[in-house]
Amino acid sequence: MLIANSTMRALNDIAERERDVLAEFAPDATPERTANPLSAAPPSGAYFVTSDDRGRRLFTRDGAFAIQDGTLVDPAGRAVLGYADDSAALSPLRVDPVDAALGFASGARIEADGSISYARRTIDPRTGRRELQRETLGLLALARFAPGTKLQPIDAQSAAAPPGIAPHFGKPGDGNFSTLTPFARAGSGVDIDLGLQRLQEAYLALDAIRSAGQAQRSVEKTAMDLLK
């Protein structure tokens, strides 16, 4: 039974690795629709830009974002980079600190042009009337690499640029990049070379299990022959 269970697990692992590799051939398939207003799919061939705790820039197609402690973050909790205004440098996108501290920021959403806005709820001190204003954090940054560039996988969603390779940065709908698809999520796919390597490892694991099974059967046969 031990061999049979191990074989089944190995076959399941092979099937999963095969799905990973096949998914790489459709990296720009129709994005999955979502109800998250802070989720968006990038245009074909483009990546969102994030930053890890070491300040390293990473790239992902997974745009299922959220706001944590006033900062726009990706599913792994990394800061998402963009432009606070047209003249600003690439940096993390954050809610105004005063609005965040007072709890005025809510209802954040991403538009097709890459702008992220939130609803600022205020009270007029003279009339006491509640008002709702839309405030903008900034614009999401997009990145694109030269055809044939192989990014270095960091995890299932993010990758780093190869040494010495600089991406082209821009904004959704700026003439160099198409607009985003709001309320959608596109997976980052799996690096094809890494996927094939893992598939090969899964097959080798299955071969090892088969060899162990054959050795066990050979020992059992020898033992039975000695008992005759």
C-alpha atoms as a PDB file:
ATOM      1  CA  MET A   1       0.000   0.000   0.000  1.00  0.00           C
ATOM      2  CA  LEU A   2       2.884   2.392   0.738  1.00  0.00           C
ATOM      3  CA  ILE A   3       4.204   2.107  -2.805  1.00  0.00           C
ATOM      4  CA  ALA A   4       0.731   2.553  -4.289  1.00  0.00           C
ATOM      5  CA  ASN A   5       0.046   5.693  -2.241  1.00  0.00           C
ATOM      6  CA  SER A   6       3.441   7.162  -3.133  1.00  0.00           C
ATOM      7  CA  THR A   7       2.824   6.472  -6.794  1.00  0.00           C
ATOM      8  CA  MET A   8      -0.547   8.199  -6.660  1.00  0.00           C
ATOM      9  CA  ARG A   9       0.982  11.264  -5.023  1.00  0.00           C
ATOM     10  CA  ALA A  10       3.735  11.337  -7.652  1.00  0.00           C
ATOM     11  CA  LEU A  11       1.187  11.114 -10.473  1.00  0.00           C
ATOM     12  CA  ASN A  12      -0.848  13.931  -8.939  1.00  0.00           C
ATOM     13  CA  ASP A  13       2.320  16.030  -8.671  1.00  0.00           C
ATOM     14  CA  ILE A  14       3.108  15.395 -12.340  1.00  0.00           C
ATOM     15  CA  ALA A  15      -0.425  16.416 -13.337  1.00  0.00           C
ATOM     16  CA  GLU A  16      -0.109  19.660 -11.345  1.00  0.00           C
ATOM     17  CA  ARG A  17       3.274  20.486 -12.892  1.00  0.00           C
ATOM     18  CA  GLU A  18       1.850  19.805 -16.361  1.00  0.00           C
ATOM     19  CA  ARG A  19      -0.969  22.283 -15.691  1.00  0.00           C
ATOM     20  CA  ASP A  20       1.609  24.869 -14.610  1.00  0.00           C
ATOM     21  CA  VAL A  21       3.566  24.463 -17.837  1.00  0.00           C
ATOM     22  CA  LEU A  22       0.452  24.566 -20.017  1.00  0.00           C
ATOM     23  CA  ALA A  23      -0.702  27.747 -18.254  1.00  0.00           C
ATOM     24  CA  GLU A  24       2.474  29.486 -19.405  1.00  0.00           C
ATOM     25  CA  PHE A  25       1.312  29.231 -23.010  1.00  0.00           C
ATOM     26  CA  ALA A  26      -1.675  31.481 -22.256  1.00  0.00           C
ATOM     27  CA  PRO A  27      -0.232  34.235 -20.019  1.00  0.00           C
ATOM     28  CA  ASP A  28      -2.550  36.859 -21.512  1.00  0.00           C
ATOM     29  CA  ALA A  29      -5.751  34.850 -21.431  1.00  0.00           C
ATOM     30  CA  THR A  30      -9.025  36.578 -20.533  1.00  0.00           C
ATOM     31  CA  PRO A  31      -8.589  37.896 -16.968  1.00  0.00           C
ATOM     32  CA  GLU A  32     -10.695  36.465 -14.189  1.00  0.00           C
ATOM     33  CA  ARG A  33     -13.464  38.838 -13.144  1.00  0.00           C
ATOM     34  CA  THR A  34     -13.550  39.864  -9.495  1.00  0.00           C
ATOM     35  CA  ALA A  35     -15.665  42.040  -7.196  1.00  0.00           C
ATOM     36  CA  ASN A  36     -12.577  43.677  -5.687  1.00  0.00           C
ATOM     37  CA  PRO A  37     -12.516  47.384  -6.721  1.00  0.00           C
ATOM     38  CA  LEU A  38      -8.764  47.409  -6.018  1.00  0.00           C
ATOM     39  CA  SER A  39      -8.115  44.614  -8.503  1.00  0.00           C
ATOM     40  CA  ALA A  40      -7.076  45.202 -12.115  1.00  0.00           C
ATOM     41  CA  ALA A  41      -5.455  43.254 -14.944  1.00  0.00           C
ATOM     42  CA  PRO A  42      -2.523  44.824 -16.822  1.00  0.00           C
ATOM     43  CA  PRO A  43      -2.387  44.992 -20.631  1.00  0.00           C
ATOM     44  CA  SER A  44      -0.744  42.217 -22.623  1.00  0.00           C
ATOM     45  CA  GLY A  45       2.979  41.929 -21.998  1.00  0.00           C
ATOM     46  CA  ALA A  46       2.992  44.464 -19.147  1.00  0.00           C
ATOM     47  CA  TYR A  47       3.696  44.103 -15.435  1.00  0.00           C
ATOM     48  CA  PHE A  48       2.815  46.002 -12.289  1.00  0.00           C
ATOM     49  CA  VAL A  49       5.807  47.163 -10.237  1.00  0.00           C
ATOM     50  CA  THR A  50       6.260  46.397  -6.529  1.00  0.00           C
ATOM     51  CA  SER A  51       9.022  46.749  -3.960  1.00  0.00           C
ATOM     52  CA  ASP A  52      10.135  44.213  -1.346  1.00  0.00           C
ATOM     53  CA  ASP A  53      11.462  44.957   2.140  1.00  0.00           C
ATOM     54  CA  ARG A  54      14.994  45.331   0.712  1.00  0.00           C
ATOM     55  CA  GLY A  55      13.888  48.011  -1.735  1.00  0.00           C
ATOM     56  CA  ARG A  56      14.273  45.670  -4.695  1.00  0.00           C
ATOM     57  CA  ARG A  57      11.854  46.243  -7.578  1.00  0.00           C
ATOM     58  CA  LEU A  58       9.768  43.217  -8.506  1.00  0.00           C
ATOM     59  CA  PHE A  59       7.275  42.659 -11.319  1.00  0.00           C
ATOM     60  CA  THR A  60       3.899  40.920 -11.302  1.00  0.00           C
ATOM     61  CA  ARG A  61       0.788  40.547 -13.428  1.00  0.00           C
ATOM     62  CA  ASP A  62      -1.316  39.751 -10.359  1.00  0.00           C
ATOM     63  CA  GLY A  63      -3.219  42.976  -9.679  1.00  0.00           C
ATOM     64  CA  ALA A  64      -5.293  41.832  -6.694  1.00  0.00           C
ATOM     65  CA  PHE A  65      -4.297  44.791  -4.534  1.00  0.00           C
ATOM     66  CA  ALA A  66      -5.360  46.051  -1.111  1.00  0.00           C
ATOM     67  CA  ILE A  67      -4.633  48.963   1.207  1.00  0.00           C
ATOM     68  CA  GLN A  68      -2.762  48.083   4.404  1.00  0.00           C
ATOM     69  CA  ASP A  69      -1.754  50.771   6.904  1.00  0.00           C
ATOM     70  CA  GLY A  70      -2.446  53.382   4.252  1.00  0.00           C
ATOM     71  CA  THR A  71      -0.207  51.789   1.572  1.00  0.00           C
ATOM     72  CA  LEU A  72      -1.342  50.033  -1.608  1.00  0.00           C
ATOM     73  CA  VAL A  73       0.090  46.480  -1.476  1.00  0.00           C
ATOM     74  CA  ASP A  74       0.086  43.338  -3.630  1.00  0.00           C
ATOM     75  CA  PRO A  75      -1.166  39.894  -2.434  1.00  0.00           C
ATOM     76  CA  ALA A  76       2.224  39.275  -0.764  1.00  0.00           C
ATOM     77  CA  GLY A  77       2.030  42.554   1.192  1.00  0.00           C
ATOM     78  CA  ARG A  78       4.664  44.315  -0.945  1.00  0.00           C
ATOM     79  CA  ALA A  79       4.263  48.036  -1.661  1.00  0.00           C
ATOM     80  CA  VAL A  80       2.889  48.779  -5.136  1.00  0.00           C
ATOM     81  CA  LEU A  81       4.767  51.494  -7.014  1.00  0.00           C
ATOM     82  CA  GLY A  82       3.348  54.325  -9.073  1.00  0.00           C
ATOM     83  CA  TYR A  83       3.360  58.092  -9.553  1.00  0.00           C
ATOM     84  CA  ALA A  84       1.784  60.451  -7.009  1.00  0.00           C
ATOM     85  CA  ASP A  85       1.457  63.029  -9.809  1.00  0.00           C
ATOM     86  CA  ASP A  86       2.714  63.631 -13.352  1.00  0.00           C
ATOM     87  CA  SER A  87       6.100  64.943 -12.204  1.00  0.00           C
ATOM     88  CA  ALA A  88       6.664  62.544  -9.308  1.00  0.00           C
ATOM     89  CA  ALA A  89       9.259  59.785  -9.251  1.00  0.00           C
ATOM     90  CA  LEU A  90       8.337  56.108  -9.031  1.00  0.00           C
ATOM     91  CA  SER A  91       7.441  55.385  -5.391  1.00  0.00           C
ATOM     92  CA  PRO A  92       4.965  53.485  -3.152  1.00  0.00           C
ATOM     93  CA  LEU A  93       1.380  54.710  -3.443  1.00  0.00           C
ATOM     94  CA  ARG A  94      -0.046  55.824  -0.103  1.00  0.00           C
ATOM     95  CA  VAL A  95      -3.220  57.376   1.267  1.00  0.00           C
ATOM     96  CA  ASP A  96      -2.800  60.873   2.701  1.00  0.00           C
ATOM     97  CA  PRO A  97      -1.468  60.247   6.264  1.00  0.00           C
ATOM     98  CA  VAL A  98      -4.034  62.570   7.851  1.00  0.00           C
ATOM     99  CA  ASP A  99      -6.941  60.873   6.047  1.00  0.00           C
ATOM    100  CA  ALA A 100      -5.600  57.449   7.026  1.00  0.00           C
ATOM    101  CA  ALA A 101      -5.131  58.449  10.675  1.00  0.00           C
ATOM    102  CA  LEU A 102      -8.630  59.928  10.918  1.00  0.00           C
ATOM    103  CA  GLY A 103     -10.236  57.006   9.117  1.00  0.00           C
ATOM    104  CA  PHE A 104     -11.579  59.239   6.361  1.00  0.00           C
ATOM    105  CA  ALA A 105     -10.301  57.069   3.480  1.00  0.00           C
ATOM    106  CA  SER A 106     -12.669  54.377   2.246  1.00  0.00           C
ATOM    107  CA  GLY A 107     -14.124  52.989  -0.959  1.00  0.00           C
ATOM    108  CA  ALA A 108     -10.778  52.859  -2.782  1.00  0.00           C
ATOM    109  CA  ARG A 109     -10.861  51.713  -6.403  1.00  0.00           C
ATOM    110  CA  ILE A 110      -8.681  51.425  -9.512  1.00  0.00           C
ATOM    111  CA  GLU A 111      -9.757  52.982 -12.800  1.00  0.00           C
ATOM    112  CA  ALA A 112      -8.842  51.900 -16.337  1.00  0.00           C
ATOM    113  CA  ASP A 113      -6.317  54.761 -16.603  1.00  0.00           C
ATOM    114  CA  GLY A 114      -4.445  53.389 -13.579  1.00  0.00           C
ATOM    115  CA  SER A 115      -5.614  56.048 -11.143  1.00  0.00           C
ATOM    116  CA  ILE A 116      -6.392  54.936  -7.582  1.00  0.00           C
ATOM    117  CA  SER A 117      -8.889  57.017  -5.690  1.00  0.00           C
ATOM    118  CA  TYR A 118     -10.681  56.787  -2.380  1.00  0.00           C
ATOM    119  CA  ALA A 119     -13.691  58.449  -0.786  1.00  0.00           C
ATOM    120  CA  ARG A 120     -12.847  61.093   1.802  1.00  0.00           C
ATOM    121  CA  ARG A 121     -15.723  61.535   4.235  1.00  0.00           C
ATOM    122  CA  THR A 122     -15.669  64.924   5.932  1.00  0.00           C
ATOM    123  CA  ILE A 123     -17.974  67.080   8.018  1.00  0.00           C
ATOM    124  CA  ASP A 124     -18.439  70.783   7.320  1.00  0.00           C
ATOM    125  CA  PRO A 125     -17.638  72.458  10.693  1.00  0.00           C
ATOM    126  CA  ARG A 126     -20.059  75.314   9.993  1.00  0.00           C
ATOM    127  CA  THR A 127     -23.122  73.372   8.892  1.00  0.00           C
ATOM    128  CA  GLY A 128     -22.369  69.896  10.270  1.00  0.00           C
ATOM    129  CA  ARG A 129     -23.243  68.464   6.883  1.00  0.00           C
ATOM    130  CA  ARG A 130     -21.382  65.311   5.822  1.00  0.00           C
ATOM    131  CA  GLU A 131     -19.596  65.476   2.491  1.00  0.00           C
ATOM    132  CA  LEU A 132     -17.974  62.884   0.252  1.00  0.00           C
ATOM    133  CA  GLN A 133     -15.009  63.739  -1.955  1.00  0.00           C
ATOM    134  CA  ARG A 134     -12.869  61.564  -4.218  1.00  0.00           C
ATOM    135  CA  GLU A 135      -9.138  61.852  -3.544  1.00  0.00           C
ATOM    136  CA  THR A 136      -6.416  60.313  -5.713  1.00  0.00           C
ATOM    137  CA  LEU A 137      -3.374  58.418  -4.443  1.00  0.00           C
ATOM    138  CA  GLY A 138      -1.744  58.532  -7.861  1.00  0.00           C
ATOM    139  CA  LEU A 139      -1.279  56.396 -10.970  1.00  0.00           C
ATOM    140  CA  LEU A 140      -0.113  52.796 -11.115  1.00  0.00           C
ATOM    141  CA  ALA A 141       3.176  52.211 -12.904  1.00  0.00           C
ATOM    142  CA  LEU A 142       3.554  49.604 -15.639  1.00  0.00           C
ATOM    143  CA  ALA A 143       6.715  47.944 -16.901  1.00  0.00           C
ATOM    144  CA  ARG A 144       7.599  46.112 -20.081  1.00  0.00           C
ATOM    145  CA  PHE A 145      10.707  44.167 -21.066  1.00  0.00           C
ATOM    146  CA  ALA A 146      12.314  43.542 -24.428  1.00  0.00           C
ATOM    147  CA  PRO A 147      10.923  40.450 -26.224  1.00  0.00           C
ATOM    148  CA  GLY A 148      12.648  37.266 -25.112  1.00  0.00           C
ATOM    149  CA  THR A 149      13.638  38.616 -21.686  1.00  0.00           C
ATOM    150  CA  LYS A 150      13.378  35.877 -19.042  1.00  0.00           C
ATOM    151  CA  LEU A 151      12.493  37.233 -15.637  1.00  0.00           C
ATOM    152  CA  GLN A 152      13.839  35.523 -12.540  1.00  0.00           C
ATOM    153  CA  PRO A 153      10.984  34.002 -10.468  1.00  0.00           C
ATOM    154  CA  ILE A 154      10.780  35.104  -6.840  1.00  0.00           C
ATOM    155  CA  ASP A 155       7.529  33.331  -5.966  1.00  0.00           C
ATOM    156  CA  ALA A 156       4.336  32.238  -7.722  1.00  0.00           C
ATOM    157  CA  GLN A 157       3.307  35.842  -8.452  1.00  0.00           C
ATOM    158  CA  SER A 158       6.459  37.949  -8.710  1.00  0.00           C
ATOM    159  CA  ALA A 159       9.741  38.019 -10.583  1.00  0.00           C
ATOM    160  CA  ALA A 160      12.888  40.131 -10.718  1.00  0.00           C
ATOM    161  CA  ALA A 161      14.633  41.564 -13.753  1.00  0.00           C
ATOM    162  CA  PRO A 162      17.776  39.755 -14.939  1.00  0.00           C
ATOM    163  CA  PRO A 163      21.058  41.502 -14.012  1.00  0.00           C
ATOM    164  CA  GLY A 164      21.803  44.420 -16.295  1.00  0.00           C
ATOM    165  CA  ILE A 165      18.307  44.458 -17.844  1.00  0.00           C
ATOM    166  CA  ALA A 166      16.269  47.642 -17.399  1.00  0.00           C
ATOM    167  CA  PRO A 167      12.524  47.656 -18.124  1.00  0.00           C
ATOM    168  CA  HIS A 168      10.597  50.409 -19.854  1.00  0.00           C
ATOM    169  CA  PHE A 169       8.288  52.140 -17.356  1.00  0.00           C
ATOM    170  CA  GLY A 170       5.087  53.958 -18.144  1.00  0.00           C
ATOM    171  CA  LYS A 171       1.452  54.535 -17.210  1.00  0.00           C
ATOM    172  CA  PRO A 172      -1.766  52.892 -18.405  1.00  0.00           C
ATOM    173  CA  GLY A 173      -3.103  54.574 -21.525  1.00  0.00           C
ATOM    174  CA  ASP A 174      -0.052  56.821 -22.020  1.00  0.00           C
ATOM    175  CA  GLY A 175       0.400  55.818 -25.659  1.00  0.00           C
ATOM    176  CA  ASN A 176       3.031  53.213 -24.865  1.00  0.00           C
ATOM    177  CA  PHE A 177       0.773  51.047 -22.710  1.00  0.00           C
ATOM    178  CA  SER A 178      -2.891  50.157 -23.120  1.00  0.00           C
ATOM    179  CA  THR A 179      -5.356  50.780 -20.291  1.00  0.00           C
ATOM    180  CA  LEU A 180      -6.074  48.389 -17.422  1.00  0.00           C
ATOM    181  CA  THR A 181      -9.050  46.078 -17.024  1.00  0.00           C
ATOM    182  CA  PRO A 182     -10.655  47.023 -13.666  1.00  0.00           C
ATOM    183  CA  PHE A 183     -12.450  44.457 -11.505  1.00  0.00           C
ATOM    184  CA  ALA A 184     -10.257  41.731 -13.004  1.00  0.00           C
ATOM    185  CA  ARG A 185      -7.252  39.645 -12.061  1.00  0.00           C
ATOM    186  CA  ALA A 186      -4.581  38.154 -14.306  1.00  0.00           C
ATOM    187  CA  GLY A 187      -2.191  35.537 -12.952  1.00  0.00           C
ATOM    188  CA  SER A 188       1.533  35.970 -13.413  1.00  0.00           C
ATOM    189  CA  GLY A 189       1.974  32.544 -14.976  1.00  0.00           C
ATOM    190  CA  VAL A 190       4.903  30.248 -14.320  1.00  0.00           C
ATOM    191  CA  ASP A 191       8.379  30.689 -15.748  1.00  0.00           C
ATOM    192  CA  ILE A 192       8.499  28.147 -18.581  1.00  0.00           C
ATOM    193  CA  ASP A 193      12.052  26.950 -17.862  1.00  0.00           C
ATOM    194  CA  LEU A 194      11.336  26.610 -14.158  1.00  0.00           C
ATOM    195  CA  GLY A 195       8.058  24.841 -14.935  1.00  0.00           C
ATOM    196  CA  LEU A 196       9.761  22.301 -17.193  1.00  0.00           C
ATOM    197  CA  GLN A 197      12.459  21.751 -14.569  1.00  0.00           C
ATOM    198  CA  ARG A 198       9.849  21.015 -11.907  1.00  0.00           C
ATOM    199  CA  LEU A 199       7.978  18.725 -14.298  1.00  0.00           C
ATOM    200  CA  GLN A 200      11.201  16.802 -14.940  1.00  0.00           C
ATOM    201  CA  GLU A 201      11.793  16.537 -11.177  1.00  0.00           C
ATOM    202  CA  ALA A 202       8.283  15.136 -10.749  1.00  0.00           C
ATOM    203  CA  TYR A 203       8.941  12.470 -13.399  1.00  0.00           C
ATOM    204  CA  LEU A 204      12.269  11.577 -11.758  1.00  0.00           C
ATOM    205  CA  ALA A 205      10.470  11.179  -8.428  1.00  0.00           C
ATOM    206  CA  LEU A 206       7.997   8.803 -10.073  1.00  0.00           C
ATOM    207  CA  ASP A 207      10.866   6.809 -11.628  1.00  0.00           C
ATOM    208  CA  ALA A 208      12.486   6.514  -8.203  1.00  0.00           C
ATOM    209  CA  ILE A 209       9.250   5.189  -6.726  1.00  0.00           C
ATOM    210  CA  ARG A 210       8.912   2.673  -9.561  1.00  0.00           C
ATOM    211  CA  SER A 211      12.506   1.516  -9.045  1.00  0.00           C
ATOM    212  CA  ALA A 212      11.860   1.112  -5.321  1.00  0.00           C
ATOM    213  CA  GLY A 213       8.762  -0.913  -6.111  1.00  0.00           C
ATOM    214  CA  GLN A 214      10.640  -3.168  -8.508  1.00  0.00           C
ATOM    215  CA  ALA A 215      13.415  -3.681  -5.941  1.00  0.00           C
ATOM    216  CA  GLN A 216      10.858  -4.544  -3.280  1.00  0.00           C
ATOM    217  CA  ARG A 217       9.148  -7.061  -5.550  1.00  0.00           C
ATOM    218  CA  SER A 218      12.524  -8.603  -6.411  1.00  0.00           C
ATOM    219  CA  VAL A 219      13.381  -9.023  -2.722  1.00  0.00           C
ATOM    220  CA  GLU A 220       9.974 -10.569  -2.031  1.00  0.00           C
ATOM    221  CA  LYS A 221      10.395 -12.987  -4.947  1.00  0.00           C
ATOM    222  CA  THR A 222      13.874 -13.994  -3.728  1.00  0.00           C
ATOM    223  CA  ALA A 223      12.498 -14.581  -0.235  1.00  0.00           C
ATOM    224  CA  MET A 224       9.677 -16.715  -1.611  1.00  0.00           C
ATOM    225  CA  ASP A 225      12.127 -18.742  -3.731  1.00  0.00           C
ATOM    226  CA  LEU A 226      14.268 -19.444  -0.646  1.00  0.00           C
ATOM    227  CA  LEU A 227      11.235 -20.690   1.234  1.00  0.00           C
ATOM    228  CA  LYS A 228      10.342 -23.209  -1.480  1.00  0.00           C
END
